[in-house]
N, C-alpha and C. Protein backbone atom coordinates (compact mmCIF):
# COMPACT_ATOMS: atom_id res chain seq x y z
N UNK A 1 26.38 24.82 3.10
CA UNK A 1 26.11 24.45 4.43
C UNK A 1 26.79 25.40 5.44
N UNK A 2 26.14 25.74 6.46
CA UNK A 2 26.63 26.60 7.50
C UNK A 2 26.47 25.94 8.84
N UNK A 3 27.43 26.27 9.81
CA UNK A 3 27.35 25.64 11.15
C UNK A 3 27.24 26.75 12.17
N UNK A 4 26.66 26.43 13.27
CA UNK A 4 26.60 27.45 14.26
C UNK A 4 26.37 26.75 15.69
N UNK A 5 26.77 27.34 16.76
CA UNK A 5 26.48 26.73 18.10
C UNK A 5 25.09 27.29 18.45
N UNK A 6 24.39 26.40 19.23
CA UNK A 6 23.01 26.82 19.67
C UNK A 6 23.08 27.13 21.20
N UNK A 7 21.96 27.59 21.62
CA UNK A 7 21.76 27.87 22.97
C UNK A 7 21.96 26.66 23.88
N UNK A 8 21.59 25.63 23.43
CA UNK A 8 21.78 24.31 24.16
C UNK A 8 23.17 24.00 24.25
N UNK A 9 23.69 23.54 25.34
CA UNK A 9 25.09 23.25 25.48
C UNK A 9 25.67 22.16 24.65
N UNK A 10 26.65 22.66 23.74
CA UNK A 10 27.35 21.71 22.83
C UNK A 10 26.55 21.20 21.65
N UNK A 11 25.36 21.78 21.43
CA UNK A 11 24.54 21.17 20.33
C UNK A 11 24.95 22.00 19.08
N UNK A 12 25.46 21.33 18.08
CA UNK A 12 25.95 21.94 16.97
C UNK A 12 24.86 21.96 15.85
N UNK A 13 24.77 22.96 15.20
CA UNK A 13 23.66 23.13 14.21
C UNK A 13 24.32 23.29 12.78
N UNK A 14 23.99 22.41 11.83
CA UNK A 14 24.36 22.48 10.38
C UNK A 14 23.23 22.83 9.56
N UNK A 15 23.23 23.94 8.90
CA UNK A 15 22.24 24.38 8.05
C UNK A 15 22.47 23.92 6.58
N UNK A 16 21.49 23.33 5.96
CA UNK A 16 21.55 22.94 4.54
C UNK A 16 20.41 23.48 3.73
N UNK A 17 20.65 23.56 2.44
CA UNK A 17 19.67 24.12 1.61
C UNK A 17 18.36 23.36 1.45
N UNK A 18 18.47 22.05 1.44
CA UNK A 18 17.26 21.32 1.18
C UNK A 18 17.28 20.06 1.99
N UNK A 19 16.15 19.31 1.87
CA UNK A 19 15.99 18.04 2.73
C UNK A 19 16.94 17.05 2.15
N UNK A 20 17.18 17.05 0.89
CA UNK A 20 18.08 16.00 0.33
C UNK A 20 19.51 16.33 0.65
N UNK A 21 19.86 17.59 0.79
CA UNK A 21 21.23 17.93 1.42
C UNK A 21 21.39 17.51 2.80
N UNK A 22 20.28 17.62 3.50
CA UNK A 22 20.32 17.04 4.95
C UNK A 22 20.51 15.55 4.90
N UNK A 23 19.86 14.85 4.06
CA UNK A 23 20.04 13.39 4.02
C UNK A 23 21.43 13.05 3.54
N UNK A 24 22.00 13.67 2.58
CA UNK A 24 23.33 13.45 2.07
C UNK A 24 24.43 13.71 3.20
N UNK A 25 24.18 14.80 3.92
CA UNK A 25 25.07 15.16 5.07
C UNK A 25 25.05 14.16 6.16
N UNK A 26 23.82 13.72 6.51
CA UNK A 26 23.61 12.72 7.57
C UNK A 26 24.26 11.37 7.15
N UNK A 27 24.20 11.02 5.81
CA UNK A 27 24.79 9.76 5.51
C UNK A 27 26.33 9.83 5.52
N UNK A 28 26.91 11.06 5.24
CA UNK A 28 28.34 11.18 5.28
C UNK A 28 28.72 11.17 6.74
N UNK A 29 27.97 11.69 7.67
CA UNK A 29 28.31 11.76 9.08
C UNK A 29 28.28 10.27 9.67
N UNK A 30 27.21 9.58 9.32
CA UNK A 30 27.05 8.23 9.89
C UNK A 30 28.25 7.37 9.33
N UNK A 31 28.57 7.50 8.05
CA UNK A 31 29.73 6.72 7.52
C UNK A 31 31.06 7.05 8.23
N UNK A 32 31.20 8.28 8.48
CA UNK A 32 32.51 8.76 9.14
C UNK A 32 32.60 8.20 10.57
N UNK A 33 31.44 8.32 11.39
CA UNK A 33 31.44 7.71 12.68
C UNK A 33 31.53 6.21 12.71
N UNK A 34 30.91 5.54 11.71
CA UNK A 34 31.01 4.10 11.70
C UNK A 34 32.36 3.65 11.32
N UNK A 35 33.01 4.26 10.46
CA UNK A 35 34.40 3.89 10.15
C UNK A 35 35.35 4.05 11.42
N UNK A 36 35.16 5.16 12.07
CA UNK A 36 35.95 5.48 13.29
C UNK A 36 35.70 4.40 14.42
N UNK A 37 34.39 4.08 14.58
CA UNK A 37 33.98 3.13 15.61
C UNK A 37 34.66 1.73 15.32
N UNK A 38 34.62 1.31 14.12
CA UNK A 38 35.14 -0.03 13.67
C UNK A 38 36.63 -0.01 13.92
N UNK A 39 37.28 1.09 13.57
CA UNK A 39 38.71 1.25 13.61
C UNK A 39 39.17 1.25 15.18
N UNK A 40 38.38 1.81 15.95
CA UNK A 40 38.75 2.01 17.43
C UNK A 40 38.24 0.77 18.28
N UNK A 41 37.07 0.25 17.99
CA UNK A 41 36.42 -0.71 18.82
C UNK A 41 35.95 -2.05 18.12
N UNK A 42 36.25 -2.14 16.82
CA UNK A 42 35.93 -3.31 16.05
C UNK A 42 34.55 -3.46 15.60
N UNK A 43 33.61 -2.56 16.02
CA UNK A 43 32.21 -2.66 15.61
C UNK A 43 31.54 -1.36 15.71
N UNK A 44 30.48 -1.08 14.93
CA UNK A 44 29.70 0.08 15.06
C UNK A 44 28.28 -0.34 15.45
N UNK A 45 27.73 0.28 16.43
CA UNK A 45 26.38 0.07 16.97
C UNK A 45 25.59 1.38 16.61
N UNK A 46 24.55 1.25 15.81
CA UNK A 46 23.86 2.38 15.35
C UNK A 46 22.27 2.24 15.59
N UNK A 47 21.66 3.28 16.05
CA UNK A 47 20.16 3.19 16.17
C UNK A 47 19.55 4.22 15.24
N UNK A 48 18.55 3.83 14.58
CA UNK A 48 17.87 4.76 13.55
C UNK A 48 16.40 5.00 13.83
N UNK A 49 16.04 6.19 13.65
CA UNK A 49 14.58 6.50 13.71
C UNK A 49 14.00 6.42 12.29
N UNK A 50 12.66 6.45 12.16
CA UNK A 50 12.08 6.40 10.81
C UNK A 50 11.78 7.76 10.20
N UNK A 51 11.23 7.80 8.99
CA UNK A 51 10.84 9.03 8.45
C UNK A 51 11.42 9.08 6.94
N UNK A 52 10.83 10.02 6.13
CA UNK A 52 11.13 10.03 4.81
C UNK A 52 12.70 10.50 4.54
N UNK A 53 13.01 11.48 5.20
CA UNK A 53 14.50 11.89 5.12
C UNK A 53 15.48 10.87 5.46
N UNK A 54 15.19 10.17 6.60
CA UNK A 54 16.08 9.10 7.02
C UNK A 54 16.23 7.98 5.98
N UNK A 55 15.11 7.62 5.31
CA UNK A 55 15.10 6.60 4.30
C UNK A 55 16.01 7.00 3.04
N UNK A 56 15.88 8.38 2.70
CA UNK A 56 16.67 8.84 1.66
C UNK A 56 18.17 8.78 2.13
N UNK A 57 18.42 9.16 3.37
CA UNK A 57 19.79 9.12 3.91
C UNK A 57 20.31 7.78 3.79
N UNK A 58 19.60 6.75 4.01
CA UNK A 58 20.12 5.38 3.98
C UNK A 58 20.44 4.96 2.48
N UNK A 59 19.58 5.56 1.52
CA UNK A 59 19.97 5.30 0.14
C UNK A 59 21.36 5.87 -0.20
N UNK A 60 21.67 7.07 0.30
CA UNK A 60 22.89 7.70 0.02
C UNK A 60 24.06 6.97 0.78
N UNK A 61 23.62 6.51 1.99
CA UNK A 61 24.80 5.73 2.79
C UNK A 61 25.07 4.43 2.08
N UNK A 62 24.10 3.75 1.48
CA UNK A 62 24.45 2.46 0.79
C UNK A 62 25.49 2.72 -0.37
N UNK A 63 25.61 3.89 -0.79
CA UNK A 63 26.63 4.13 -1.90
C UNK A 63 27.93 4.63 -1.28
N UNK A 64 28.10 4.74 -0.09
CA UNK A 64 29.28 5.21 0.46
C UNK A 64 30.17 4.18 1.09
N UNK A 65 31.48 4.50 1.43
CA UNK A 65 32.38 3.65 2.07
C UNK A 65 31.88 3.39 3.44
N UNK A 66 31.40 2.21 3.70
CA UNK A 66 30.82 1.93 5.01
C UNK A 66 31.11 0.46 5.41
N UNK A 67 31.48 0.26 6.76
CA UNK A 67 31.80 -0.89 7.18
C UNK A 67 30.65 -1.87 7.59
N UNK A 68 29.75 -2.11 6.61
CA UNK A 68 28.53 -2.74 6.83
C UNK A 68 28.63 -4.13 7.56
N UNK A 69 29.56 -4.98 7.31
CA UNK A 69 29.71 -6.23 7.86
C UNK A 69 30.08 -6.17 9.41
N UNK A 70 30.53 -5.00 9.76
CA UNK A 70 30.87 -4.76 11.19
C UNK A 70 29.90 -3.75 11.85
N UNK A 71 28.69 -3.56 11.27
CA UNK A 71 27.74 -2.59 11.77
C UNK A 71 26.44 -3.37 12.21
N UNK A 72 25.93 -3.00 13.37
CA UNK A 72 24.69 -3.49 13.80
C UNK A 72 23.71 -2.28 13.96
N UNK A 73 22.45 -2.48 13.28
CA UNK A 73 21.53 -1.30 13.24
C UNK A 73 20.27 -1.78 14.08
N UNK A 74 20.07 -0.86 14.99
CA UNK A 74 18.89 -1.03 15.91
C UNK A 74 17.86 -0.09 15.49
N UNK A 75 16.62 -0.25 16.10
CA UNK A 75 15.57 0.72 15.99
C UNK A 75 15.43 1.59 17.18
N UNK A 76 15.27 2.93 16.94
CA UNK A 76 15.09 3.86 17.96
C UNK A 76 13.64 3.68 18.55
N UNK A 77 12.59 3.41 17.62
CA UNK A 77 11.33 3.17 18.09
C UNK A 77 10.62 2.50 16.88
N UNK A 78 9.37 2.10 17.30
CA UNK A 78 8.56 1.31 16.20
C UNK A 78 7.12 1.23 16.70
N UNK A 79 6.34 1.26 15.62
CA UNK A 79 4.82 1.11 15.94
C UNK A 79 4.47 -0.38 16.21
N UNK A 80 3.52 -0.52 17.15
CA UNK A 80 3.17 -1.85 17.45
C UNK A 80 2.02 -2.19 16.51
N UNK A 81 2.45 -2.93 15.49
CA UNK A 81 1.49 -3.17 14.31
C UNK A 81 2.09 -4.42 13.60
N UNK A 82 1.25 -5.04 12.67
CA UNK A 82 1.63 -6.24 12.04
C UNK A 82 2.93 -6.10 11.32
N UNK A 83 3.61 -7.22 11.10
CA UNK A 83 4.84 -7.19 10.43
C UNK A 83 5.01 -6.54 9.07
N UNK A 84 3.92 -6.73 8.37
CA UNK A 84 3.96 -6.24 6.90
C UNK A 84 3.13 -4.94 6.81
N UNK A 85 2.87 -4.36 7.92
CA UNK A 85 2.12 -2.93 7.91
C UNK A 85 3.06 -1.91 7.53
N UNK A 86 2.72 -1.12 6.31
CA UNK A 86 3.47 -0.09 5.77
C UNK A 86 3.79 1.00 6.84
N UNK A 87 3.09 1.08 7.86
CA UNK A 87 3.35 2.04 8.83
C UNK A 87 4.65 1.69 9.72
N UNK A 88 5.07 0.48 9.62
CA UNK A 88 6.25 0.00 10.47
C UNK A 88 7.55 0.53 9.80
N UNK A 89 8.35 1.09 10.72
CA UNK A 89 9.64 1.62 10.30
C UNK A 89 10.51 0.44 9.89
N UNK A 90 10.36 -0.74 10.27
CA UNK A 90 11.20 -1.90 9.87
C UNK A 90 11.03 -2.21 8.39
N UNK A 91 9.71 -2.08 7.89
CA UNK A 91 9.51 -2.35 6.47
C UNK A 91 10.32 -1.44 5.74
N UNK A 92 10.45 -0.28 5.89
CA UNK A 92 11.24 0.76 5.08
C UNK A 92 12.72 0.54 5.29
N UNK A 93 13.07 0.19 6.63
CA UNK A 93 14.45 0.08 6.97
C UNK A 93 15.05 -1.13 6.08
N UNK A 94 14.31 -2.25 6.06
CA UNK A 94 14.75 -3.32 5.21
C UNK A 94 14.75 -3.09 3.73
N UNK A 95 13.77 -2.40 3.31
CA UNK A 95 13.81 -2.10 1.87
C UNK A 95 14.99 -1.14 1.55
N UNK A 96 15.25 -0.20 2.44
CA UNK A 96 16.43 0.77 2.19
C UNK A 96 17.75 0.06 2.15
N UNK A 97 17.89 -1.07 2.98
CA UNK A 97 19.11 -1.84 3.18
C UNK A 97 19.07 -3.08 2.48
N UNK A 98 18.23 -3.42 1.52
CA UNK A 98 18.18 -4.63 0.90
C UNK A 98 19.49 -4.97 0.19
N UNK A 99 20.03 -6.13 0.46
CA UNK A 99 21.36 -6.52 -0.07
C UNK A 99 22.51 -5.99 0.66
N UNK A 100 22.28 -5.20 1.64
CA UNK A 100 23.46 -4.55 2.39
C UNK A 100 23.67 -5.59 3.62
N UNK A 101 25.07 -5.95 3.82
CA UNK A 101 25.36 -6.96 4.78
C UNK A 101 25.45 -6.45 6.24
N UNK A 102 24.55 -5.53 6.71
CA UNK A 102 24.60 -5.05 7.96
C UNK A 102 23.65 -5.94 8.83
N UNK A 103 23.79 -5.99 10.09
CA UNK A 103 22.89 -6.76 10.99
C UNK A 103 21.87 -5.86 11.45
N UNK A 104 20.62 -6.22 11.17
CA UNK A 104 19.45 -5.37 11.69
C UNK A 104 18.86 -6.02 12.82
N UNK A 105 18.67 -5.28 13.94
CA UNK A 105 18.21 -5.93 15.20
C UNK A 105 16.79 -5.12 15.50
N UNK A 106 15.71 -5.80 15.01
CA UNK A 106 14.36 -5.19 15.07
C UNK A 106 13.68 -5.22 16.39
N UNK A 107 13.03 -4.21 16.77
CA UNK A 107 12.27 -4.20 17.95
C UNK A 107 11.18 -5.27 17.89
N UNK A 108 10.96 -6.00 19.03
CA UNK A 108 10.03 -7.09 19.06
C UNK A 108 8.64 -6.79 19.32
N UNK A 109 8.04 -5.96 18.35
CA UNK A 109 6.74 -5.48 18.64
C UNK A 109 5.58 -6.40 18.41
N UNK A 110 5.92 -7.59 17.79
CA UNK A 110 4.94 -8.59 17.59
C UNK A 110 5.00 -9.77 18.49
N UNK A 111 5.72 -9.68 19.55
CA UNK A 111 5.81 -10.69 20.65
C UNK A 111 4.49 -10.77 21.39
N UNK A 112 4.19 -12.00 21.88
CA UNK A 112 2.86 -12.18 22.50
C UNK A 112 2.98 -11.43 23.98
N UNK A 113 4.25 -11.53 24.64
CA UNK A 113 4.43 -10.85 25.83
C UNK A 113 5.38 -9.67 25.58
N UNK A 114 4.83 -8.48 25.46
CA UNK A 114 5.57 -7.31 25.10
C UNK A 114 6.56 -6.90 26.28
N UNK A 115 6.12 -7.03 27.45
CA UNK A 115 6.90 -6.68 28.59
C UNK A 115 8.23 -7.54 28.69
N UNK A 116 8.01 -8.84 28.50
CA UNK A 116 9.18 -9.67 28.50
C UNK A 116 10.05 -9.48 27.24
N UNK A 117 9.35 -9.26 26.11
CA UNK A 117 10.12 -8.96 24.90
C UNK A 117 10.95 -7.67 24.99
N UNK A 118 10.49 -6.72 25.65
CA UNK A 118 11.15 -5.40 25.90
C UNK A 118 12.36 -5.58 26.73
N UNK A 119 12.14 -6.41 27.77
CA UNK A 119 13.33 -6.77 28.70
C UNK A 119 14.37 -7.55 27.94
N UNK A 120 13.99 -8.41 27.13
CA UNK A 120 15.00 -9.26 26.32
C UNK A 120 15.69 -8.35 25.39
N UNK A 121 14.92 -7.42 24.67
CA UNK A 121 15.53 -6.56 23.78
C UNK A 121 16.57 -5.69 24.46
N UNK A 122 16.25 -5.21 25.67
CA UNK A 122 17.21 -4.38 26.48
C UNK A 122 18.62 -5.19 26.59
N UNK A 123 18.56 -6.45 26.83
CA UNK A 123 19.69 -7.25 26.94
C UNK A 123 20.58 -7.28 25.67
N UNK A 124 19.98 -6.96 24.51
CA UNK A 124 20.72 -6.90 23.21
C UNK A 124 21.41 -5.69 22.86
N UNK A 125 21.01 -4.57 23.67
CA UNK A 125 21.51 -3.27 23.29
C UNK A 125 22.97 -3.20 23.85
N UNK A 126 23.86 -2.37 23.00
CA UNK A 126 25.21 -2.26 23.48
C UNK A 126 25.38 -1.38 24.65
N UNK A 127 26.41 -1.31 25.36
CA UNK A 127 26.55 -0.45 26.48
C UNK A 127 26.40 0.96 26.12
N UNK A 128 26.81 1.37 24.97
CA UNK A 128 26.52 2.75 24.38
C UNK A 128 26.54 2.68 22.93
N UNK A 129 25.55 3.33 22.36
CA UNK A 129 25.54 3.36 20.83
C UNK A 129 26.52 4.28 20.32
N UNK A 130 27.16 3.99 19.26
CA UNK A 130 28.09 4.84 18.70
C UNK A 130 27.50 6.07 17.98
N UNK A 131 26.33 5.79 17.48
CA UNK A 131 25.51 6.97 16.83
C UNK A 131 24.00 6.58 17.03
N UNK A 132 23.30 7.59 17.49
CA UNK A 132 21.82 7.40 17.49
C UNK A 132 21.30 8.53 16.54
N UNK A 133 20.44 8.15 15.57
CA UNK A 133 19.84 9.16 14.77
C UNK A 133 18.40 9.42 15.34
N UNK A 134 18.05 10.73 15.46
CA UNK A 134 16.82 11.07 15.93
C UNK A 134 16.14 12.06 14.96
N UNK A 135 14.75 11.99 15.15
CA UNK A 135 13.86 12.90 14.36
C UNK A 135 13.25 13.90 15.40
N UNK A 136 12.50 14.80 14.79
CA UNK A 136 11.87 15.82 15.73
C UNK A 136 10.39 15.99 15.17
N UNK A 137 9.39 15.71 15.91
CA UNK A 137 8.05 16.04 15.49
C UNK A 137 7.64 17.48 15.76
N UNK A 138 6.72 17.93 14.91
CA UNK A 138 6.13 19.35 15.17
C UNK A 138 5.69 19.60 16.63
N UNK A 139 5.37 18.61 17.29
CA UNK A 139 4.88 18.80 18.79
C UNK A 139 6.08 18.64 19.70
N UNK A 140 7.29 18.47 19.21
CA UNK A 140 8.50 18.35 20.03
C UNK A 140 8.91 16.95 20.45
N UNK A 141 8.13 15.97 20.07
CA UNK A 141 8.59 14.56 20.36
C UNK A 141 9.79 14.13 19.53
N UNK A 142 10.47 13.16 20.11
CA UNK A 142 11.60 12.52 19.53
C UNK A 142 11.49 11.04 19.82
N UNK A 143 12.06 10.12 19.02
CA UNK A 143 11.84 8.77 19.25
C UNK A 143 10.24 8.53 19.33
N UNK A 144 9.81 7.72 20.21
CA UNK A 144 8.37 7.72 20.51
C UNK A 144 8.19 8.18 22.00
N UNK A 145 9.01 9.21 22.34
CA UNK A 145 8.85 9.91 23.67
C UNK A 145 7.94 11.06 23.32
N UNK A 146 6.67 10.85 23.53
CA UNK A 146 5.59 11.74 22.99
C UNK A 146 5.02 12.58 24.14
N UNK A 147 4.46 13.79 23.87
CA UNK A 147 3.92 14.57 24.97
C UNK A 147 2.79 13.97 25.65
N UNK A 148 2.83 14.22 27.01
CA UNK A 148 1.71 13.82 27.95
C UNK A 148 1.56 12.29 27.99
N UNK A 149 2.64 11.52 27.77
CA UNK A 149 2.57 10.15 27.98
C UNK A 149 3.53 9.75 29.16
N UNK A 150 3.10 8.72 29.81
CA UNK A 150 3.96 8.26 30.98
C UNK A 150 5.33 7.73 30.42
N UNK A 151 5.44 7.45 29.23
CA UNK A 151 6.63 6.86 28.69
C UNK A 151 7.82 7.99 28.91
N UNK A 152 7.49 9.18 29.04
CA UNK A 152 8.46 10.29 29.32
C UNK A 152 9.10 10.03 30.62
N UNK A 153 8.53 9.49 31.55
CA UNK A 153 9.03 9.30 32.91
C UNK A 153 9.77 8.11 33.22
N UNK A 154 9.90 7.17 32.13
CA UNK A 154 10.55 5.87 32.36
C UNK A 154 12.05 6.13 32.38
N UNK A 155 12.69 5.92 33.55
CA UNK A 155 14.28 5.91 33.59
C UNK A 155 14.82 4.67 34.13
N UNK A 156 14.02 3.68 34.53
CA UNK A 156 14.53 2.49 35.11
C UNK A 156 14.57 1.28 34.04
N UNK A 157 14.12 1.62 32.91
CA UNK A 157 14.18 0.61 31.70
C UNK A 157 14.82 1.27 30.51
N UNK A 158 15.37 0.35 29.68
CA UNK A 158 16.00 0.94 28.49
C UNK A 158 15.04 0.91 27.34
N UNK A 159 14.00 0.12 27.26
CA UNK A 159 12.94 0.06 26.32
C UNK A 159 11.61 0.07 27.01
N UNK A 160 10.78 0.92 26.42
CA UNK A 160 9.42 1.05 27.04
C UNK A 160 8.31 1.18 25.92
N UNK A 161 7.10 1.21 26.30
CA UNK A 161 6.09 1.46 25.30
C UNK A 161 5.13 2.59 25.76
N UNK A 162 4.47 3.28 24.88
CA UNK A 162 3.56 4.34 25.22
C UNK A 162 2.43 3.80 25.99
N UNK A 163 1.96 4.51 26.83
CA UNK A 163 0.70 4.13 27.59
C UNK A 163 -0.54 4.46 26.74
N UNK A 164 -0.55 5.38 25.85
CA UNK A 164 -1.64 5.56 24.99
C UNK A 164 -1.21 5.52 23.52
N UNK A 165 -2.15 5.26 22.58
CA UNK A 165 -1.80 5.39 21.19
C UNK A 165 -1.38 6.75 20.76
N UNK A 166 -0.36 6.76 19.90
CA UNK A 166 0.01 8.10 19.35
C UNK A 166 -0.10 8.04 17.85
N UNK A 167 -0.88 8.95 17.27
CA UNK A 167 -1.16 8.97 15.76
C UNK A 167 -1.57 7.55 15.36
N UNK A 168 -2.49 6.97 16.16
CA UNK A 168 -3.05 5.73 15.67
C UNK A 168 -2.42 4.39 16.19
N UNK A 169 -1.28 4.45 16.85
CA UNK A 169 -0.60 3.21 17.14
C UNK A 169 0.07 3.48 18.56
N UNK A 170 0.01 2.33 19.38
CA UNK A 170 0.91 2.24 20.46
C UNK A 170 2.27 2.07 19.93
N UNK A 171 3.36 2.66 20.60
CA UNK A 171 4.72 2.63 20.21
C UNK A 171 5.65 1.96 21.30
N UNK A 172 6.69 1.39 20.67
CA UNK A 172 7.81 0.92 21.53
C UNK A 172 9.04 1.81 21.20
N UNK A 173 9.82 2.10 22.31
CA UNK A 173 10.80 3.11 22.12
C UNK A 173 11.91 2.86 23.02
N UNK A 174 13.22 3.33 22.55
CA UNK A 174 14.29 3.45 23.48
C UNK A 174 14.01 4.64 24.43
N UNK A 175 14.47 4.62 25.65
CA UNK A 175 14.11 5.63 26.65
C UNK A 175 15.39 6.58 26.82
N UNK A 176 15.13 7.61 27.61
CA UNK A 176 16.06 8.70 27.78
C UNK A 176 17.48 8.11 28.22
N UNK A 177 17.57 7.16 29.04
CA UNK A 177 18.87 6.67 29.54
C UNK A 177 19.70 6.18 28.32
N UNK A 178 19.05 5.49 27.29
CA UNK A 178 19.73 5.03 26.13
C UNK A 178 20.18 6.18 25.23
N UNK A 179 19.29 7.02 25.04
CA UNK A 179 19.50 8.14 24.16
C UNK A 179 20.68 9.04 24.67
N UNK A 180 20.62 9.20 25.99
CA UNK A 180 21.64 10.12 26.60
C UNK A 180 23.02 9.57 26.85
N UNK A 181 23.13 8.29 26.66
CA UNK A 181 24.32 7.63 26.90
C UNK A 181 25.11 7.36 25.65
N UNK A 182 24.51 7.68 24.49
CA UNK A 182 25.14 7.52 23.21
C UNK A 182 26.43 8.28 23.06
N UNK A 183 27.34 7.76 22.31
CA UNK A 183 28.61 8.53 22.06
C UNK A 183 28.32 9.76 21.19
N UNK A 184 27.40 9.63 20.24
CA UNK A 184 26.93 10.72 19.35
C UNK A 184 25.56 10.67 19.06
N UNK A 185 24.88 11.79 18.92
CA UNK A 185 23.53 11.93 18.51
C UNK A 185 23.45 12.90 17.39
N UNK A 186 22.62 12.42 16.31
CA UNK A 186 22.43 13.23 15.21
C UNK A 186 20.91 13.35 14.91
N UNK A 187 20.55 14.68 14.84
CA UNK A 187 19.11 14.98 14.58
C UNK A 187 19.10 15.39 13.10
N UNK A 188 18.07 14.79 12.44
CA UNK A 188 17.74 15.23 11.07
C UNK A 188 16.40 15.98 11.15
N UNK A 189 16.34 17.15 10.70
CA UNK A 189 15.08 18.06 10.95
C UNK A 189 14.83 18.76 9.64
N UNK A 190 13.73 18.48 8.88
CA UNK A 190 13.32 19.13 7.69
C UNK A 190 11.96 19.57 7.70
N UNK A 191 11.70 20.68 6.92
CA UNK A 191 10.34 21.10 6.69
C UNK A 191 9.87 22.26 7.58
N UNK A 192 9.07 23.18 6.99
CA UNK A 192 8.62 24.36 7.75
C UNK A 192 7.72 24.03 8.96
N UNK A 193 7.07 22.82 8.93
CA UNK A 193 6.25 22.39 10.10
C UNK A 193 6.98 22.12 11.39
N UNK A 194 8.35 22.03 11.23
CA UNK A 194 9.30 21.74 12.43
C UNK A 194 9.81 23.04 12.94
N UNK A 195 9.48 24.18 12.47
CA UNK A 195 10.18 25.41 12.85
C UNK A 195 9.97 25.59 14.40
N UNK A 196 8.77 25.48 14.83
CA UNK A 196 8.56 25.80 16.33
C UNK A 196 9.27 24.80 17.18
N UNK A 197 9.19 23.54 16.88
CA UNK A 197 9.87 22.44 17.68
C UNK A 197 11.32 22.60 17.65
N UNK A 198 11.91 22.88 16.46
CA UNK A 198 13.36 23.08 16.37
C UNK A 198 13.82 24.31 17.19
N UNK A 199 13.00 25.33 17.19
CA UNK A 199 13.42 26.58 17.88
C UNK A 199 13.43 26.23 19.44
N UNK A 200 12.57 25.47 19.88
CA UNK A 200 12.44 25.08 21.22
C UNK A 200 13.61 24.20 21.62
N UNK A 201 13.94 23.22 20.74
CA UNK A 201 15.09 22.35 21.04
C UNK A 201 16.40 23.18 21.02
N UNK A 202 16.49 24.08 20.21
CA UNK A 202 17.82 24.88 20.26
C UNK A 202 17.83 25.86 21.36
N UNK A 203 16.67 26.14 21.96
CA UNK A 203 16.63 27.08 23.05
C UNK A 203 16.81 26.21 24.41
N UNK A 204 16.92 24.92 24.30
CA UNK A 204 17.09 24.13 25.43
C UNK A 204 15.84 23.97 26.32
N UNK A 205 14.67 24.01 25.67
CA UNK A 205 13.37 23.93 26.33
C UNK A 205 13.09 22.56 26.74
N UNK A 206 13.13 22.22 28.00
CA UNK A 206 12.94 20.89 28.58
C UNK A 206 11.39 20.52 28.65
N UNK A 207 10.49 21.54 28.32
CA UNK A 207 9.19 21.30 28.34
C UNK A 207 8.72 20.28 27.16
N UNK A 208 9.48 20.27 26.02
CA UNK A 208 9.18 19.35 25.04
C UNK A 208 10.06 18.16 25.27
N UNK A 209 9.54 17.01 24.81
CA UNK A 209 10.32 15.75 25.06
C UNK A 209 11.71 15.78 24.44
N UNK A 210 11.85 16.33 23.29
CA UNK A 210 13.16 16.35 22.68
C UNK A 210 14.14 17.24 23.31
N UNK A 211 13.68 18.22 24.19
CA UNK A 211 14.58 19.02 24.99
C UNK A 211 15.18 18.32 26.15
N UNK A 212 14.81 17.16 26.48
CA UNK A 212 15.37 16.40 27.64
C UNK A 212 16.47 15.48 27.18
N UNK A 213 16.86 15.46 25.92
CA UNK A 213 17.91 14.67 25.45
C UNK A 213 19.22 15.27 25.55
N UNK A 214 20.28 14.65 25.99
CA UNK A 214 21.66 15.10 26.22
C UNK A 214 22.12 15.80 24.91
N UNK A 215 22.55 16.99 24.99
CA UNK A 215 23.00 17.70 23.91
C UNK A 215 24.61 17.67 23.59
N UNK A 216 25.28 17.04 24.61
CA UNK A 216 26.81 16.88 24.41
C UNK A 216 27.03 15.94 23.23
N UNK A 217 27.99 16.24 22.40
CA UNK A 217 28.40 15.40 21.33
C UNK A 217 27.07 15.17 20.40
N UNK A 218 26.42 16.25 20.00
CA UNK A 218 25.14 16.15 19.31
C UNK A 218 25.16 17.25 18.21
N UNK A 219 24.59 16.79 17.11
CA UNK A 219 24.51 17.70 15.86
C UNK A 219 23.18 17.71 15.40
N UNK A 220 22.70 18.86 15.02
CA UNK A 220 21.36 18.96 14.31
C UNK A 220 21.66 19.37 12.89
N UNK A 221 21.12 18.58 11.92
CA UNK A 221 21.17 18.85 10.59
C UNK A 221 19.88 19.22 10.08
N UNK A 222 19.75 20.46 9.65
CA UNK A 222 18.40 20.93 9.36
C UNK A 222 18.42 21.77 8.01
N UNK A 223 17.32 21.73 7.32
CA UNK A 223 17.23 22.52 6.11
C UNK A 223 16.73 23.94 6.38
N UNK A 224 16.77 24.81 5.46
CA UNK A 224 16.50 26.22 5.69
C UNK A 224 15.06 26.32 6.09
N UNK A 225 14.13 25.51 5.51
CA UNK A 225 12.72 25.66 5.85
C UNK A 225 12.45 25.46 7.35
N UNK A 226 13.25 24.46 7.98
CA UNK A 226 12.99 24.17 9.37
C UNK A 226 13.67 25.22 10.20
N UNK A 227 14.67 25.94 9.70
CA UNK A 227 15.38 26.89 10.57
C UNK A 227 14.86 28.36 10.17
N UNK A 228 13.98 28.53 9.38
CA UNK A 228 13.53 29.90 8.97
C UNK A 228 12.83 30.56 10.15
């Protein structure tokens, strides 16, 4: 593993050999931050994005020293789809944490009144997350802050939904004010298809959605394929 400073202010980059190495490093980092948060403030508030590498990360995390009983896990974003739809992040999150005594706080994407549900969910969010895990799409999106959608302009709400379907689904997402107020942000980026987006992120390009996220107290954990 190698580390380097990026062009974006305070954004640390950790290079790993493989996607599994990224997942293991991410798990160790989350466990470290969670233990520190519980020691300092009595509880850890964590928000997780979906994806193959994050689910592997959670598998590794389940085997580590982790204050699960004092940890609340929220969703960074979610597809607006039926509860048992395999496209739902929550399905995989619950599978990965089966038997783990953490509190999972799912996004209310199946509510009849989504606007009210998002407002209610906003009231459940902590003042600041101890750690937010983010992914990065090949098009530069992060969370469900996707290119050319009005959701990118939402700054007066903590939770919003996309104006248009993205990859077949409308999405619910935490907005920039939440992402930018977190105590720590951790990006997991793997695969050669992420090379362009990662290069833009590290260059501080605010034309991509991910480039508008606060880079202070942030780390990118990427494999060699993404950094090539």
